Amino acid sequence: MAYKKLKFDYLMEYGDEIELLSDGLSLRRVRSRTGRAINTLRKLRAMFLM
């Protein structure tokens, strides 16, 4: 059985990234500030902002 993170786990681990995305920063700017992968940021944006 595969492990699947809960939404709460994403919120705890990627709180700074979610906050920056919700402030309106682009994926590219958040990537340059935090070092997270673009696909991870896309996933976070889809989960929490759309």
N, C-alpha and C. Protein backbone atom coordinates (compact mmCIF):
# COMPACT_ATOMS: atom_id res chain seq x y z
N MET A 1 0.85 -1.17 0.00
CA MET A 1 0.00 0.00 0.00
C MET A 1 0.90 1.24 0.00
N ALA A 2 0.60 2.17 -0.85
CA ALA A 2 1.41 3.38 -1.00
C ALA A 2 1.04 4.41 0.07
N TYR A 3 2.02 5.20 0.42
CA TYR A 3 1.80 6.28 1.38
C TYR A 3 1.32 7.52 0.65
N LYS A 4 0.27 8.13 1.16
CA LYS A 4 -0.24 9.36 0.57
C LYS A 4 -0.31 10.41 1.66
N LYS A 5 0.31 11.55 1.39
CA LYS A 5 0.30 12.63 2.38
C LYS A 5 -1.10 13.23 2.49
N LEU A 6 -1.43 13.63 3.68
CA LEU A 6 -2.69 14.34 3.91
C LEU A 6 -2.49 15.82 3.60
N LYS A 7 -3.59 16.50 3.39
CA LYS A 7 -3.51 17.93 3.10
C LYS A 7 -2.83 18.68 4.25
N PHE A 8 -3.07 18.24 5.46
CA PHE A 8 -2.45 18.85 6.63
C PHE A 8 -0.93 18.72 6.59
N ASP A 9 -0.45 17.56 6.13
CA ASP A 9 1.00 17.34 6.02
C ASP A 9 1.63 18.31 5.03
N TYR A 10 0.94 18.53 3.90
CA TYR A 10 1.45 19.50 2.92
C TYR A 10 1.48 20.89 3.53
N LEU A 11 0.44 21.23 4.28
CA LEU A 11 0.37 22.55 4.90
C LEU A 11 1.51 22.76 5.90
N MET A 12 1.84 21.74 6.66
CA MET A 12 2.92 21.85 7.64
C MET A 12 4.28 21.91 6.96
N GLU A 13 4.48 21.13 5.92
CA GLU A 13 5.79 21.05 5.29
C GLU A 13 6.06 22.21 4.34
N TYR A 14 5.02 22.71 3.67
CA TYR A 14 5.20 23.72 2.63
C TYR A 14 4.47 25.02 2.97
N GLY A 15 4.36 25.36 4.22
CA GLY A 15 3.62 26.54 4.64
C GLY A 15 4.14 27.84 4.03
N ASP A 16 5.45 27.99 3.99
CA ASP A 16 6.05 29.21 3.43
C ASP A 16 5.73 29.34 1.95
N GLU A 17 5.83 28.24 1.23
CA GLU A 17 5.55 28.26 -0.20
C GLU A 17 4.09 28.59 -0.47
N ILE A 18 3.19 28.01 0.31
CA ILE A 18 1.76 28.27 0.13
C ILE A 18 1.46 29.74 0.41
N GLU A 19 2.09 30.29 1.43
CA GLU A 19 1.88 31.70 1.76
C GLU A 19 2.37 32.61 0.64
N LEU A 20 3.53 32.32 0.08
CA LEU A 20 4.06 33.14 -1.01
C LEU A 20 3.17 33.04 -2.25
N LEU A 21 2.68 31.85 -2.55
CA LEU A 21 1.78 31.69 -3.69
C LEU A 21 0.46 32.43 -3.48
N SER A 22 -0.04 32.40 -2.25
CA SER A 22 -1.30 33.09 -1.98
C SER A 22 -1.13 34.60 -1.99
N ASP A 23 0.10 35.08 -1.79
CA ASP A 23 0.37 36.51 -1.89
C ASP A 23 0.43 37.00 -3.33
N GLY A 24 0.39 36.06 -4.27
CA GLY A 24 0.35 36.43 -5.67
C GLY A 24 1.67 36.31 -6.41
N LEU A 25 2.69 35.76 -5.77
CA LEU A 25 3.97 35.58 -6.45
C LEU A 25 3.86 34.48 -7.50
N SER A 26 4.61 34.63 -8.55
CA SER A 26 4.59 33.63 -9.62
C SER A 26 5.34 32.38 -9.18
N LEU A 27 5.11 31.30 -9.91
CA LEU A 27 5.81 30.05 -9.61
C LEU A 27 7.32 30.25 -9.71
N ARG A 28 7.74 30.99 -10.71
CA ARG A 28 9.18 31.22 -10.92
C ARG A 28 9.79 31.98 -9.74
N ARG A 29 9.09 32.98 -9.23
CA ARG A 29 9.64 33.75 -8.09
C ARG A 29 9.68 32.93 -6.81
N VAL A 30 8.62 32.15 -6.58
CA VAL A 30 8.61 31.29 -5.40
C VAL A 30 9.73 30.25 -5.51
N ARG A 31 9.93 29.74 -6.71
CA ARG A 31 11.00 28.76 -6.95
C ARG A 31 12.37 29.35 -6.63
N SER A 32 12.58 30.60 -7.06
CA SER A 32 13.89 31.21 -6.82
C SER A 32 14.11 31.54 -5.35
N ARG A 33 13.05 31.80 -4.62
CA ARG A 33 13.19 32.12 -3.19
C ARG A 33 13.33 30.90 -2.31
N THR A 34 12.59 29.82 -2.65
CA THR A 34 12.54 28.67 -1.75
C THR A 34 13.34 27.47 -2.22
N GLY A 35 13.57 27.37 -3.53
CA GLY A 35 14.31 26.23 -4.06
C GLY A 35 13.45 25.01 -4.31
N ARG A 36 12.15 25.11 -4.14
CA ARG A 36 11.26 23.97 -4.40
C ARG A 36 11.06 23.78 -5.89
N ALA A 37 10.77 22.56 -6.29
CA ALA A 37 10.55 22.23 -7.69
C ALA A 37 9.25 22.87 -8.19
N ILE A 38 9.26 23.24 -9.47
CA ILE A 38 8.09 23.88 -10.07
C ILE A 38 6.86 22.97 -9.99
N ASN A 39 7.04 21.67 -10.25
CA ASN A 39 5.90 20.76 -10.19
C ASN A 39 5.32 20.65 -8.78
N THR A 40 6.15 20.73 -7.78
CA THR A 40 5.66 20.73 -6.40
C THR A 40 4.84 21.99 -6.15
N LEU A 41 5.33 23.13 -6.63
CA LEU A 41 4.60 24.39 -6.44
C LEU A 41 3.28 24.37 -7.20
N ARG A 42 3.26 23.76 -8.37
CA ARG A 42 2.01 23.64 -9.13
C ARG A 42 1.00 22.80 -8.35
N LYS A 43 1.48 21.73 -7.76
CA LYS A 43 0.61 20.86 -6.98
C LYS A 43 0.04 21.61 -5.77
N LEU A 44 0.89 22.38 -5.11
CA LEU A 44 0.43 23.16 -3.95
C LEU A 44 -0.60 24.20 -4.36
N ARG A 45 -0.34 24.87 -5.48
CA ARG A 45 -1.28 25.89 -5.97
C ARG A 45 -2.63 25.26 -6.28
N ALA A 46 -2.61 24.11 -6.89
CA ALA A 46 -3.85 23.41 -7.24
C ALA A 46 -4.61 22.95 -5.98
N MET A 47 -3.87 22.51 -4.97
CA MET A 47 -4.49 22.00 -3.75
C MET A 47 -5.08 23.11 -2.88
N PHE A 48 -4.38 24.23 -2.77
CA PHE A 48 -4.76 25.22 -1.78
C PHE A 48 -5.34 26.52 -2.34
N LEU A 49 -5.11 26.82 -3.59
CA LEU A 49 -5.51 28.13 -4.09
C LEU A 49 -6.56 28.08 -5.19
N MET A 50 -6.84 26.91 -5.73
CA MET A 50 -7.82 26.83 -6.80
C MET A 50 -9.04 26.07 -6.38
